[in-house]
Amino acid sequence: MRVTYLVDPLCGWCNDAGPALEKLARRDDVTLEFAPTGLFAGEGARSMDAQFAAYAWQNDERIARLTGQPFSEVYRSRVLGKTGCMFDSAPATLGLVAVRVTEPTREFEALKAIQRARYVDGRDIGSLPEVGDILRSIGLPAAAERVRTLDDELTQAYRRQIEAARSEMQRFGISGVPALLVGDGTERHLLRGNLLFGRLDLFVSQLQAA
């Protein structure tokens, strides 16, 4: 069973879907692939100000209450408190695409490292040099170098990925992430991302019924 996970590294709900995805990825009957959507890149990016930071933290607190996943005070002070910076998922998404190009089997590992860097360690994943440092720290120097140089191949791969993911979002009427597509090609079916925050056995039964 192929499961495509529509994600954005700046989505708090996507961060907290990690435990369910870990369990899903370990199943022998599931092939998990990632589709970064660039939801908060390009026209979806915006500058960070005090009002938006307060809104983001309020939403993060709600997510933490519902899922039990942490959002650290370091993240609150160093990331949300850094007014004037950009809320832009393009650098982190470029990092994920660079991993796909160089070591595709480690894409999930890279996503988790990037999310942890932001939400736990309070690092700015809206910065290309920071994303490169994160990738290098988990032993992905080739991907880190691709992020640093931003060669044409990586840029084109990034654009293709975003276009493909957004095409699927339009096809299935998806307005936000996380979301899951089950199956291949024209046989794909949509499962809403809220299933990732319940019991795994119920989630798997929904996957098998899709």
N, C-alpha and C. Protein backbone atom coordinates (compact mmCIF):
# COMPACT_ATOMS: atom_id res chain seq x y z
N MET A 1 0.84 -1.18 0.00
CA MET A 1 0.00 0.00 0.00
C MET A 1 0.88 1.25 0.00
N ARG A 2 0.68 2.13 -0.98
CA ARG A 2 1.46 3.36 -1.06
C ARG A 2 0.69 4.49 -0.39
N VAL A 3 1.38 5.20 0.52
CA VAL A 3 0.79 6.34 1.22
C VAL A 3 1.65 7.57 0.94
N THR A 4 1.04 8.59 0.37
CA THR A 4 1.74 9.85 0.09
C THR A 4 1.34 10.86 1.15
N TYR A 5 2.34 11.40 1.81
CA TYR A 5 2.11 12.33 2.93
C TYR A 5 2.35 13.75 2.46
N LEU A 6 1.30 14.56 2.39
CA LEU A 6 1.40 15.97 2.02
C LEU A 6 1.75 16.77 3.26
N VAL A 7 2.85 17.54 3.17
CA VAL A 7 3.44 18.11 4.38
C VAL A 7 4.04 19.48 4.08
N ASP A 8 4.17 20.29 5.11
CA ASP A 8 4.99 21.51 5.06
C ASP A 8 5.78 21.57 6.36
N PRO A 9 7.09 21.80 6.30
CA PRO A 9 7.92 21.81 7.52
C PRO A 9 7.52 22.86 8.54
N LEU A 10 6.80 23.91 8.13
CA LEU A 10 6.38 24.96 9.05
C LEU A 10 4.98 24.72 9.62
N CYS A 11 4.41 23.58 9.32
CA CYS A 11 3.08 23.24 9.83
C CYS A 11 3.21 22.54 11.18
N GLY A 12 2.66 23.16 12.24
CA GLY A 12 2.74 22.57 13.56
C GLY A 12 2.05 21.22 13.66
N TRP A 13 0.92 21.08 12.96
CA TRP A 13 0.23 19.79 12.96
C TRP A 13 1.08 18.71 12.30
N CYS A 14 1.82 19.07 11.25
CA CYS A 14 2.71 18.11 10.60
C CYS A 14 3.81 17.66 11.55
N ASN A 15 4.31 18.59 12.34
CA ASN A 15 5.32 18.24 13.34
C ASN A 15 4.78 17.18 14.29
N ASP A 16 3.55 17.36 14.74
CA ASP A 16 3.00 16.47 15.75
C ASP A 16 2.46 15.16 15.17
N ALA A 17 2.43 15.06 13.85
CA ALA A 17 2.05 13.80 13.22
C ALA A 17 3.20 12.80 13.21
N GLY A 18 4.39 13.24 13.65
CA GLY A 18 5.58 12.40 13.60
C GLY A 18 5.44 11.02 14.21
N PRO A 19 4.92 10.89 15.45
CA PRO A 19 4.82 9.54 16.06
C PRO A 19 3.99 8.56 15.23
N ALA A 20 2.87 9.02 14.69
CA ALA A 20 2.04 8.13 13.87
C ALA A 20 2.76 7.73 12.59
N LEU A 21 3.47 8.69 11.98
CA LEU A 21 4.22 8.38 10.76
C LEU A 21 5.35 7.40 11.02
N GLU A 22 5.99 7.53 12.18
CA GLU A 22 7.06 6.59 12.57
C GLU A 22 6.51 5.16 12.55
N LYS A 23 5.36 4.97 13.19
CA LYS A 23 4.76 3.65 13.27
C LYS A 23 4.33 3.17 11.88
N LEU A 24 3.79 4.08 11.10
CA LEU A 24 3.36 3.73 9.76
C LEU A 24 4.53 3.31 8.88
N ALA A 25 5.64 4.04 8.99
CA ALA A 25 6.82 3.76 8.18
C ALA A 25 7.44 2.40 8.49
N ARG A 26 7.20 1.90 9.68
CA ARG A 26 7.78 0.61 10.07
C ARG A 26 6.96 -0.58 9.59
N ARG A 27 5.79 -0.34 9.06
CA ARG A 27 4.94 -1.43 8.60
C ARG A 27 5.44 -1.98 7.26
N ASP A 28 5.50 -3.29 7.16
CA ASP A 28 5.98 -3.93 5.94
C ASP A 28 5.00 -3.76 4.78
N ASP A 29 3.74 -3.53 5.08
CA ASP A 29 2.74 -3.44 4.02
C ASP A 29 2.50 -2.01 3.56
N VAL A 30 3.34 -1.06 4.01
CA VAL A 30 3.16 0.35 3.65
C VAL A 30 4.44 0.90 3.03
N THR A 31 4.28 1.58 1.89
CA THR A 31 5.37 2.36 1.31
C THR A 31 5.02 3.83 1.49
N LEU A 32 5.80 4.52 2.33
CA LEU A 32 5.51 5.91 2.68
C LEU A 32 6.38 6.84 1.85
N GLU A 33 5.75 7.78 1.15
CA GLU A 33 6.49 8.78 0.41
C GLU A 33 6.04 10.18 0.84
N PHE A 34 6.92 11.15 0.66
CA PHE A 34 6.67 12.50 1.15
C PHE A 34 6.48 13.47 0.00
N ALA A 35 5.53 14.36 0.16
CA ALA A 35 5.23 15.36 -0.87
C ALA A 35 5.18 16.74 -0.22
N PRO A 36 6.34 17.41 -0.07
CA PRO A 36 6.34 18.77 0.46
C PRO A 36 5.55 19.68 -0.47
N THR A 37 4.64 20.46 0.10
CA THR A 37 3.69 21.22 -0.69
C THR A 37 4.10 22.67 -0.92
N GLY A 38 5.07 23.18 -0.14
CA GLY A 38 5.40 24.59 -0.23
C GLY A 38 4.23 25.48 0.16
N LEU A 39 3.38 24.98 1.06
CA LEU A 39 2.18 25.72 1.45
C LEU A 39 2.53 27.09 2.03
N PHE A 40 3.65 27.14 2.76
CA PHE A 40 4.08 28.40 3.38
C PHE A 40 5.33 28.96 2.70
N ALA A 41 5.45 28.68 1.41
CA ALA A 41 6.53 29.24 0.60
C ALA A 41 5.91 30.11 -0.48
N GLY A 42 6.74 30.91 -1.14
CA GLY A 42 6.22 31.75 -2.22
C GLY A 42 5.14 32.68 -1.72
N GLU A 43 3.96 32.61 -2.33
CA GLU A 43 2.86 33.48 -1.92
C GLU A 43 2.33 33.13 -0.53
N GLY A 44 2.68 31.94 -0.03
CA GLY A 44 2.25 31.54 1.31
C GLY A 44 3.17 32.01 2.41
N ALA A 45 4.32 32.60 2.06
CA ALA A 45 5.26 33.10 3.05
C ALA A 45 4.81 34.48 3.54
N ARG A 46 5.32 34.87 4.70
CA ARG A 46 5.00 36.19 5.24
C ARG A 46 6.06 36.57 6.27
N SER A 47 6.12 37.84 6.58
CA SER A 47 7.07 38.29 7.61
C SER A 47 6.50 38.02 8.99
N MET A 48 7.38 37.77 9.93
CA MET A 48 6.98 37.51 11.31
C MET A 48 6.83 38.83 12.04
N ASP A 49 5.68 39.05 12.68
CA ASP A 49 5.50 40.21 13.54
C ASP A 49 4.87 39.73 14.84
N ALA A 50 4.71 40.64 15.79
CA ALA A 50 4.23 40.26 17.11
C ALA A 50 2.84 39.64 17.06
N GLN A 51 1.97 40.17 16.21
CA GLN A 51 0.61 39.65 16.12
C GLN A 51 0.59 38.23 15.56
N PHE A 52 1.36 38.02 14.50
CA PHE A 52 1.40 36.68 13.92
C PHE A 52 2.08 35.69 14.87
N ALA A 53 3.12 36.13 15.58
CA ALA A 53 3.81 35.27 16.54
C ALA A 53 2.85 34.83 17.65
N ALA A 54 2.02 35.76 18.13
CA ALA A 54 1.05 35.41 19.18
C ALA A 54 0.02 34.42 18.66
N TYR A 55 -0.42 34.62 17.42
CA TYR A 55 -1.37 33.70 16.82
C TYR A 55 -0.75 32.30 16.67
N ALA A 56 0.49 32.26 16.19
CA ALA A 56 1.17 30.97 15.98
C ALA A 56 1.34 30.23 17.31
N TRP A 57 1.75 30.95 18.35
CA TRP A 57 1.96 30.30 19.65
C TRP A 57 0.65 29.78 20.22
N GLN A 58 -0.43 30.55 20.07
CA GLN A 58 -1.74 30.11 20.54
C GLN A 58 -2.14 28.81 19.83
N ASN A 59 -1.90 28.75 18.54
CA ASN A 59 -2.21 27.54 17.78
C ASN A 59 -1.33 26.38 18.21
N ASP A 60 -0.04 26.66 18.44
CA ASP A 60 0.88 25.61 18.88
C ASP A 60 0.48 25.05 20.24
N GLU A 61 0.04 25.92 21.14
CA GLU A 61 -0.41 25.46 22.46
C GLU A 61 -1.62 24.54 22.31
N ARG A 62 -2.51 24.88 21.41
CA ARG A 62 -3.69 24.03 21.17
C ARG A 62 -3.26 22.68 20.64
N ILE A 63 -2.34 22.66 19.71
CA ILE A 63 -1.85 21.40 19.16
C ILE A 63 -1.20 20.55 20.26
N ALA A 64 -0.40 21.19 21.11
CA ALA A 64 0.28 20.48 22.19
C ALA A 64 -0.73 19.85 23.15
N ARG A 65 -1.80 20.58 23.45
CA ARG A 65 -2.82 20.04 24.36
C ARG A 65 -3.51 18.82 23.76
N LEU A 66 -3.73 18.85 22.47
CA LEU A 66 -4.45 17.76 21.81
C LEU A 66 -3.57 16.54 21.53
N THR A 67 -2.28 16.77 21.29
CA THR A 67 -1.41 15.67 20.85
C THR A 67 -0.35 15.28 21.87
N GLY A 68 -0.03 16.18 22.80
CA GLY A 68 1.00 15.89 23.78
C GLY A 68 2.40 16.15 23.29
N GLN A 69 2.56 16.57 22.04
CA GLN A 69 3.88 16.88 21.50
C GLN A 69 4.33 18.26 21.96
N PRO A 70 5.62 18.42 22.28
CA PRO A 70 6.08 19.69 22.86
C PRO A 70 6.41 20.77 21.84
N PHE A 71 6.19 22.00 22.24
CA PHE A 71 6.70 23.19 21.56
C PHE A 71 7.46 23.96 22.64
N SER A 72 8.76 24.08 22.50
CA SER A 72 9.59 24.56 23.60
C SER A 72 9.53 26.08 23.76
N GLU A 73 9.89 26.53 24.96
CA GLU A 73 10.00 27.97 25.21
C GLU A 73 11.15 28.57 24.41
N VAL A 74 12.16 27.75 24.13
CA VAL A 74 13.27 28.22 23.29
C VAL A 74 12.75 28.55 21.89
N TYR A 75 11.89 27.69 21.37
CA TYR A 75 11.26 27.95 20.08
C TYR A 75 10.44 29.24 20.15
N ARG A 76 9.69 29.39 21.22
CA ARG A 76 8.84 30.58 21.35
C ARG A 76 9.66 31.86 21.36
N SER A 77 10.76 31.84 22.10
CA SER A 77 11.55 33.07 22.24
C SER A 77 12.46 33.33 21.05
N ARG A 78 13.12 32.29 20.55
CA ARG A 78 14.13 32.49 19.51
C ARG A 78 13.56 32.52 18.09
N VAL A 79 12.44 31.83 17.88
CA VAL A 79 11.86 31.76 16.54
C VAL A 79 10.67 32.72 16.43
N LEU A 80 9.65 32.50 17.25
CA LEU A 80 8.48 33.36 17.18
C LEU A 80 8.80 34.77 17.69
N GLY A 81 9.77 34.87 18.59
CA GLY A 81 10.12 36.17 19.13
C GLY A 81 11.09 36.95 18.26
N LYS A 82 11.50 36.37 17.16
CA LYS A 82 12.46 37.02 16.26
C LYS A 82 11.68 37.81 15.20
N THR A 83 11.16 38.94 15.59
CA THR A 83 10.36 39.73 14.66
C THR A 83 11.22 40.26 13.51
N GLY A 84 10.58 40.37 12.38
CA GLY A 84 11.28 40.85 11.20
C GLY A 84 11.81 39.74 10.31
N CYS A 85 11.88 38.50 10.83
CA CYS A 85 12.33 37.40 9.98
C CYS A 85 11.14 36.89 9.17
N MET A 86 11.40 35.99 8.23
CA MET A 86 10.36 35.49 7.36
C MET A 86 9.81 34.15 7.86
N PHE A 87 8.50 34.01 7.78
CA PHE A 87 7.84 32.72 7.97
C PHE A 87 7.73 32.13 6.57
N ASP A 88 8.71 31.34 6.20
CA ASP A 88 8.87 30.91 4.81
C ASP A 88 9.43 29.49 4.81
N SER A 89 8.66 28.55 4.27
CA SER A 89 9.10 27.16 4.28
C SER A 89 9.94 26.77 3.08
N ALA A 90 10.24 27.72 2.19
CA ALA A 90 11.03 27.39 1.00
C ALA A 90 12.41 26.82 1.36
N PRO A 91 13.18 27.43 2.29
CA PRO A 91 14.49 26.86 2.61
C PRO A 91 14.42 25.42 3.13
N ALA A 92 13.50 25.15 4.05
CA ALA A 92 13.37 23.80 4.59
C ALA A 92 12.91 22.82 3.52
N THR A 93 12.02 23.27 2.65
CA THR A 93 11.54 22.40 1.57
C THR A 93 12.66 22.12 0.58
N LEU A 94 13.46 23.12 0.28
CA LEU A 94 14.64 22.89 -0.56
C LEU A 94 15.57 21.86 0.07
N GLY A 95 15.70 21.91 1.39
CA GLY A 95 16.51 20.93 2.09
C GLY A 95 15.98 19.52 1.91
N LEU A 96 14.66 19.36 2.02
CA LEU A 96 14.06 18.03 1.83
C LEU A 96 14.24 17.54 0.40
N VAL A 97 14.08 18.43 -0.55
CA VAL A 97 14.27 18.03 -1.96
C VAL A 97 15.72 17.66 -2.22
N ALA A 98 16.66 18.38 -1.59
CA ALA A 98 18.08 18.06 -1.73
C ALA A 98 18.38 16.66 -1.19
N VAL A 99 17.72 16.28 -0.11
CA VAL A 99 17.90 14.93 0.43
C VAL A 99 17.31 13.90 -0.52
N ARG A 100 16.15 14.21 -1.10
CA ARG A 100 15.55 13.28 -2.05
C ARG A 100 16.46 13.06 -3.25
N VAL A 101 17.13 14.11 -3.70
CA VAL A 101 18.02 14.03 -4.85
C VAL A 101 19.28 13.23 -4.52
N THR A 102 19.78 13.35 -3.29
CA THR A 102 21.07 12.75 -2.93
C THR A 102 20.95 11.44 -2.16
N GLU A 103 20.07 11.39 -1.16
CA GLU A 103 19.90 10.17 -0.35
C GLU A 103 18.42 10.01 -0.01
N PRO A 104 17.60 9.58 -0.97
CA PRO A 104 16.15 9.57 -0.80
C PRO A 104 15.64 8.71 0.35
N THR A 105 16.40 7.69 0.74
CA THR A 105 15.93 6.84 1.83
C THR A 105 15.98 7.54 3.19
N ARG A 106 16.61 8.73 3.24
CA ARG A 106 16.74 9.44 4.52
C ARG A 106 15.86 10.70 4.58
N GLU A 107 14.88 10.78 3.69
CA GLU A 107 14.04 11.98 3.64
C GLU A 107 13.23 12.16 4.93
N PHE A 108 12.67 11.09 5.47
CA PHE A 108 11.90 11.19 6.71
C PHE A 108 12.80 11.61 7.86
N GLU A 109 13.98 11.04 7.91
CA GLU A 109 14.95 11.42 8.95
C GLU A 109 15.27 12.92 8.87
N ALA A 110 15.45 13.41 7.66
CA ALA A 110 15.75 14.83 7.47
C ALA A 110 14.57 15.70 7.90
N LEU A 111 13.35 15.30 7.54
CA LEU A 111 12.17 16.06 7.95
C LEU A 111 12.09 16.15 9.46
N LYS A 112 12.31 15.03 10.14
CA LYS A 112 12.24 15.03 11.61
C LYS A 112 13.31 15.93 12.21
N ALA A 113 14.50 15.89 11.65
CA ALA A 113 15.59 16.72 12.16
C ALA A 113 15.29 18.20 11.97
N ILE A 114 14.73 18.56 10.82
CA ILE A 114 14.39 19.95 10.55
C ILE A 114 13.28 20.43 11.48
N GLN A 115 12.28 19.59 11.69
CA GLN A 115 11.19 19.96 12.59
C GLN A 115 11.68 20.10 14.03
N ARG A 116 12.50 19.16 14.48
CA ARG A 116 13.02 19.24 15.83
C ARG A 116 13.88 20.49 16.01
N ALA A 117 14.66 20.83 15.01
CA ALA A 117 15.51 22.01 15.08
C ALA A 117 14.67 23.26 15.34
N ARG A 118 13.50 23.33 14.73
CA ARG A 118 12.63 24.50 14.92
C ARG A 118 11.87 24.45 16.24
N TYR A 119 11.09 23.39 16.42
CA TYR A 119 10.11 23.37 17.50
C TYR A 119 10.68 23.01 18.86
N VAL A 120 11.83 22.38 18.90
CA VAL A 120 12.46 22.02 20.18
C VAL A 120 13.71 22.85 20.44
N ASP A 121 14.60 22.94 19.43
CA ASP A 121 15.88 23.62 19.63
C ASP A 121 15.82 25.12 19.33
N GLY A 122 14.73 25.59 18.73
CA GLY A 122 14.58 27.02 18.48
C GLY A 122 15.48 27.56 17.39
N ARG A 123 15.73 26.77 16.36
CA ARG A 123 16.56 27.23 15.25
C ARG A 123 15.68 27.73 14.10
N ASP A 124 16.20 28.66 13.33
CA ASP A 124 15.44 29.30 12.27
C ASP A 124 15.56 28.49 10.98
N ILE A 125 14.58 27.64 10.70
CA ILE A 125 14.64 26.81 9.49
C ILE A 125 14.17 27.58 8.26
N GLY A 126 13.90 28.88 8.43
CA GLY A 126 13.63 29.75 7.30
C GLY A 126 14.90 30.32 6.70
N SER A 127 16.03 29.80 7.15
CA SER A 127 17.35 30.25 6.68
C SER A 127 18.04 29.11 5.95
N LEU A 128 18.47 29.33 4.71
CA LEU A 128 19.17 28.28 3.96
C LEU A 128 20.45 27.81 4.65
N PRO A 129 21.32 28.72 5.17
CA PRO A 129 22.51 28.24 5.87
C PRO A 129 22.17 27.37 7.08
N GLU A 130 21.10 27.73 7.80
CA GLU A 130 20.70 26.93 8.96
C GLU A 130 20.22 25.55 8.54
N VAL A 131 19.45 25.49 7.48
CA VAL A 131 18.99 24.19 6.98
C VAL A 131 20.18 23.35 6.54
N GLY A 132 21.14 23.96 5.87
CA GLY A 132 22.35 23.24 5.48
C GLY A 132 23.10 22.69 6.67
N ASP A 133 23.20 23.49 7.74
CA ASP A 133 23.89 23.03 8.96
C ASP A 133 23.16 21.85 9.59
N ILE A 134 21.83 21.90 9.58
CA ILE A 134 21.04 20.79 10.15
C ILE A 134 21.29 19.51 9.37
N LEU A 135 21.27 19.60 8.05
CA LEU A 135 21.50 18.41 7.23
C LEU A 135 22.91 17.87 7.43
N ARG A 136 23.87 18.76 7.53
CA ARG A 136 25.25 18.33 7.76
C ARG A 136 25.39 17.64 9.12
N SER A 137 24.66 18.13 10.11
CA SER A 137 24.78 17.58 11.47
C SER A 137 24.25 16.15 11.57
N ILE A 138 23.39 15.73 10.64
CA ILE A 138 22.89 14.34 10.67
C ILE A 138 23.55 13.49 9.59
N GLY A 139 24.67 13.97 9.08
CA GLY A 139 25.45 13.17 8.15
C GLY A 139 24.94 13.18 6.72
N LEU A 140 24.45 14.35 6.28
CA LEU A 140 23.99 14.50 4.90
C LEU A 140 24.75 15.65 4.22
N PRO A 141 26.07 15.52 4.10
CA PRO A 141 26.86 16.62 3.56
C PRO A 141 26.55 16.94 2.09
N ALA A 142 26.21 15.92 1.30
CA ALA A 142 25.91 16.18 -0.11
C ALA A 142 24.66 17.04 -0.25
N ALA A 143 23.63 16.71 0.54
CA ALA A 143 22.41 17.51 0.52
C ALA A 143 22.68 18.92 1.03
N ALA A 144 23.48 19.03 2.07
CA ALA A 144 23.82 20.35 2.62
C ALA A 144 24.53 21.20 1.58
N GLU A 145 25.41 20.59 0.80
CA GLU A 145 26.13 21.33 -0.22
C GLU A 145 25.18 21.77 -1.34
N ARG A 146 24.22 20.91 -1.68
CA ARG A 146 23.25 21.30 -2.71
C ARG A 146 22.41 22.50 -2.25
N VAL A 147 22.06 22.52 -0.97
CA VAL A 147 21.33 23.66 -0.43
C VAL A 147 22.19 24.92 -0.47
N ARG A 148 23.47 24.76 -0.19
CA ARG A 148 24.37 25.92 -0.17
C ARG A 148 24.53 26.52 -1.56
N THR A 149 24.67 25.66 -2.57
CA THR A 149 24.95 26.16 -3.91
C THR A 149 23.70 26.47 -4.73
N LEU A 150 22.58 25.82 -4.38
CA LEU A 150 21.31 26.03 -5.11
C LEU A 150 21.50 25.93 -6.62
N ASP A 151 22.01 24.80 -7.06
CA ASP A 151 22.23 24.59 -8.48
C ASP A 151 20.91 24.45 -9.23
N ASP A 152 20.97 24.53 -10.54
CA ASP A 152 19.76 24.52 -11.37
C ASP A 152 18.97 23.22 -11.21
N GLU A 153 19.67 22.11 -11.08
CA GLU A 153 18.97 20.82 -10.95
C GLU A 153 18.12 20.80 -9.69
N LEU A 154 18.66 21.29 -8.57
CA LEU A 154 17.91 21.30 -7.32
C LEU A 154 16.72 22.26 -7.42
N THR A 155 16.96 23.43 -7.99
CA THR A 155 15.88 24.41 -8.12
C THR A 155 14.74 23.87 -8.97
N GLN A 156 15.08 23.20 -10.06
CA GLN A 156 14.05 22.63 -10.93
C GLN A 156 13.32 21.48 -10.24
N ALA A 157 14.05 20.66 -9.50
CA ALA A 157 13.43 19.56 -8.76
C ALA A 157 12.46 20.09 -7.71
N TYR A 158 12.85 21.19 -7.06
CA TYR A 158 12.00 21.84 -6.06
C TYR A 158 10.70 22.31 -6.73
N ARG A 159 10.81 22.97 -7.86
CA ARG A 159 9.63 23.48 -8.55
C ARG A 159 8.71 22.34 -8.99
N ARG A 160 9.31 21.26 -9.50
CA ARG A 160 8.49 20.12 -9.93
C ARG A 160 7.75 19.51 -8.74
N GLN A 161 8.45 19.41 -7.61
CA GLN A 161 7.83 18.83 -6.42
C GLN A 161 6.65 19.67 -5.94
N ILE A 162 6.85 20.98 -5.87
CA ILE A 162 5.79 21.87 -5.40
C ILE A 162 4.61 21.83 -6.36
N GLU A 163 4.89 21.88 -7.66
CA GLU A 163 3.81 21.85 -8.65
C GLU A 163 3.02 20.55 -8.57
N ALA A 164 3.72 19.43 -8.40
CA ALA A 164 3.04 18.14 -8.33
C ALA A 164 2.17 18.04 -7.08
N ALA A 165 2.71 18.48 -5.93
CA ALA A 165 1.96 18.40 -4.68
C ALA A 165 0.75 19.32 -4.72
N ARG A 166 0.93 20.52 -5.25
CA ARG A 166 -0.20 21.46 -5.31
C ARG A 166 -1.25 21.00 -6.31
N SER A 167 -0.83 20.32 -7.36
CA SER A 167 -1.79 19.76 -8.31
C SER A 167 -2.66 18.71 -7.62
N GLU A 168 -2.05 17.89 -6.77
CA GLU A 168 -2.81 16.89 -6.03
C GLU A 168 -3.74 17.55 -5.03
N MET A 169 -3.28 18.63 -4.39
CA MET A 169 -4.14 19.35 -3.45
C MET A 169 -5.36 19.90 -4.17
N GLN A 170 -5.16 20.44 -5.36
CA GLN A 170 -6.28 20.98 -6.13
C GLN A 170 -7.22 19.87 -6.57
N ARG A 171 -6.63 18.77 -7.01
CA ARG A 171 -7.44 17.63 -7.48
C ARG A 171 -8.36 17.10 -6.40
N PHE A 172 -7.86 17.03 -5.17
CA PHE A 172 -8.63 16.44 -4.08
C PHE A 172 -9.31 17.49 -3.18
N GLY A 173 -9.19 18.77 -3.55
CA GLY A 173 -9.83 19.82 -2.75
C GLY A 173 -9.21 19.99 -1.38
N ILE A 174 -7.89 19.82 -1.31
CA ILE A 174 -7.17 19.93 -0.03
C ILE A 174 -6.72 21.37 0.15
N SER A 175 -7.05 21.95 1.30
CA SER A 175 -6.66 23.34 1.56
C SER A 175 -5.54 23.45 2.59
N GLY A 176 -5.28 22.39 3.34
CA GLY A 176 -4.25 22.44 4.37
C GLY A 176 -3.56 21.10 4.54
N VAL A 177 -2.52 21.10 5.34
CA VAL A 177 -1.77 19.89 5.63
C VAL A 177 -1.72 19.70 7.16
N PRO A 178 -1.47 18.45 7.60
CA PRO A 178 -1.14 17.25 6.84
C PRO A 178 -2.36 16.63 6.16
N ALA A 179 -2.09 15.91 5.09
CA ALA A 179 -3.11 15.12 4.41
C ALA A 179 -2.43 13.90 3.82
N LEU A 180 -3.22 12.87 3.55
CA LEU A 180 -2.69 11.60 3.09
C LEU A 180 -3.42 11.14 1.84
N LEU A 181 -2.65 10.67 0.87
CA LEU A 181 -3.22 10.07 -0.33
C LEU A 181 -2.82 8.60 -0.34
N VAL A 182 -3.79 7.74 -0.52
CA VAL A 182 -3.55 6.30 -0.47
C VAL A 182 -3.75 5.73 -1.87
N GLY A 183 -2.76 4.95 -2.34
CA GLY A 183 -2.86 4.32 -3.64
C GLY A 183 -1.94 4.97 -4.66
N ASP A 184 -2.11 4.61 -5.93
CA ASP A 184 -1.27 5.09 -7.01
C ASP A 184 -2.11 5.72 -8.12
N GLY A 185 -1.55 6.76 -8.76
CA GLY A 185 -2.15 7.34 -9.95
C GLY A 185 -3.61 7.71 -9.79
N THR A 186 -4.42 7.27 -10.75
CA THR A 186 -5.84 7.62 -10.73
C THR A 186 -6.60 6.86 -9.64
N GLU A 187 -5.97 5.88 -9.01
CA GLU A 187 -6.63 5.09 -7.97
C GLU A 187 -6.40 5.68 -6.57
N ARG A 188 -5.81 6.85 -6.51
CA ARG A 188 -5.55 7.45 -5.20
C ARG A 188 -6.84 7.87 -4.51
N HIS A 189 -6.80 7.80 -3.17
CA HIS A 189 -7.92 8.26 -2.35
C HIS A 189 -7.38 9.14 -1.24
N LEU A 190 -8.17 10.12 -0.83
CA LEU A 190 -7.76 11.07 0.21
C LEU A 190 -8.19 10.59 1.58
N LEU A 191 -7.25 10.71 2.53
CA LEU A 191 -7.57 10.55 3.94
C LEU A 191 -7.16 11.82 4.66
N ARG A 192 -8.04 12.37 5.47
CA ARG A 192 -7.74 13.60 6.18
C ARG A 192 -6.66 13.38 7.24
N GLY A 193 -5.83 14.41 7.44
CA GLY A 193 -4.69 14.30 8.33
C GLY A 193 -5.05 14.11 9.78
N ASN A 194 -6.31 14.43 10.18
CA ASN A 194 -6.65 14.27 11.60
C ASN A 194 -6.62 12.82 12.05
N LEU A 195 -6.63 11.89 11.09
CA LEU A 195 -6.51 10.47 11.45
C LEU A 195 -5.15 10.16 12.07
N LEU A 196 -4.17 11.01 11.82
CA LEU A 196 -2.83 10.80 12.36
C LEU A 196 -2.75 11.03 13.86
N PHE A 197 -3.79 11.60 14.44
CA PHE A 197 -3.74 11.95 15.85
C PHE A 197 -4.65 11.08 16.71
N GLY A 198 -5.10 9.97 16.14
CA GLY A 198 -5.92 9.02 16.89
C GLY A 198 -5.20 7.70 17.07
N ARG A 199 -5.97 6.64 17.26
CA ARG A 199 -5.40 5.32 17.46
C ARG A 199 -4.87 4.77 16.14
N LEU A 200 -3.66 4.18 16.19
CA LEU A 200 -3.03 3.69 14.98
C LEU A 200 -3.83 2.57 14.33
N ASP A 201 -4.44 1.71 15.14
CA ASP A 201 -5.19 0.60 14.55
C ASP A 201 -6.39 1.11 13.75
N LEU A 202 -7.05 2.15 14.24
CA LEU A 202 -8.15 2.74 13.50
C LEU A 202 -7.66 3.42 12.23
N PHE A 203 -6.50 4.06 12.36
CA PHE A 203 -5.89 4.73 11.21
C PHE A 203 -5.57 3.71 10.12
N VAL A 204 -4.95 2.60 10.51
CA VAL A 204 -4.59 1.58 9.54
C VAL A 204 -5.84 0.97 8.89
N SER A 205 -6.89 0.78 9.67
CA SER A 205 -8.12 0.23 9.10
C SER A 205 -8.71 1.18 8.06
N GLN A 206 -8.60 2.48 8.32
CA GLN A 206 -9.05 3.47 7.34
C GLN A 206 -8.19 3.41 6.07
N LEU A 207 -6.88 3.25 6.24
CA LEU A 207 -6.00 3.12 5.10
C LEU A 207 -6.38 1.91 4.24
N GLN A 208 -6.61 0.80 4.90
CA GLN A 208 -6.90 -0.43 4.17
C GLN A 208 -8.25 -0.36 3.47
N ALA A 209 -9.16 0.44 4.02
CA ALA A 209 -10.49 0.56 3.42
C ALA A 209 -10.53 1.58 2.31
N ALA A 210 -9.48 2.42 2.21
CA ALA A 210 -9.49 3.51 1.22
C ALA A 210 -9.38 2.97 -0.20
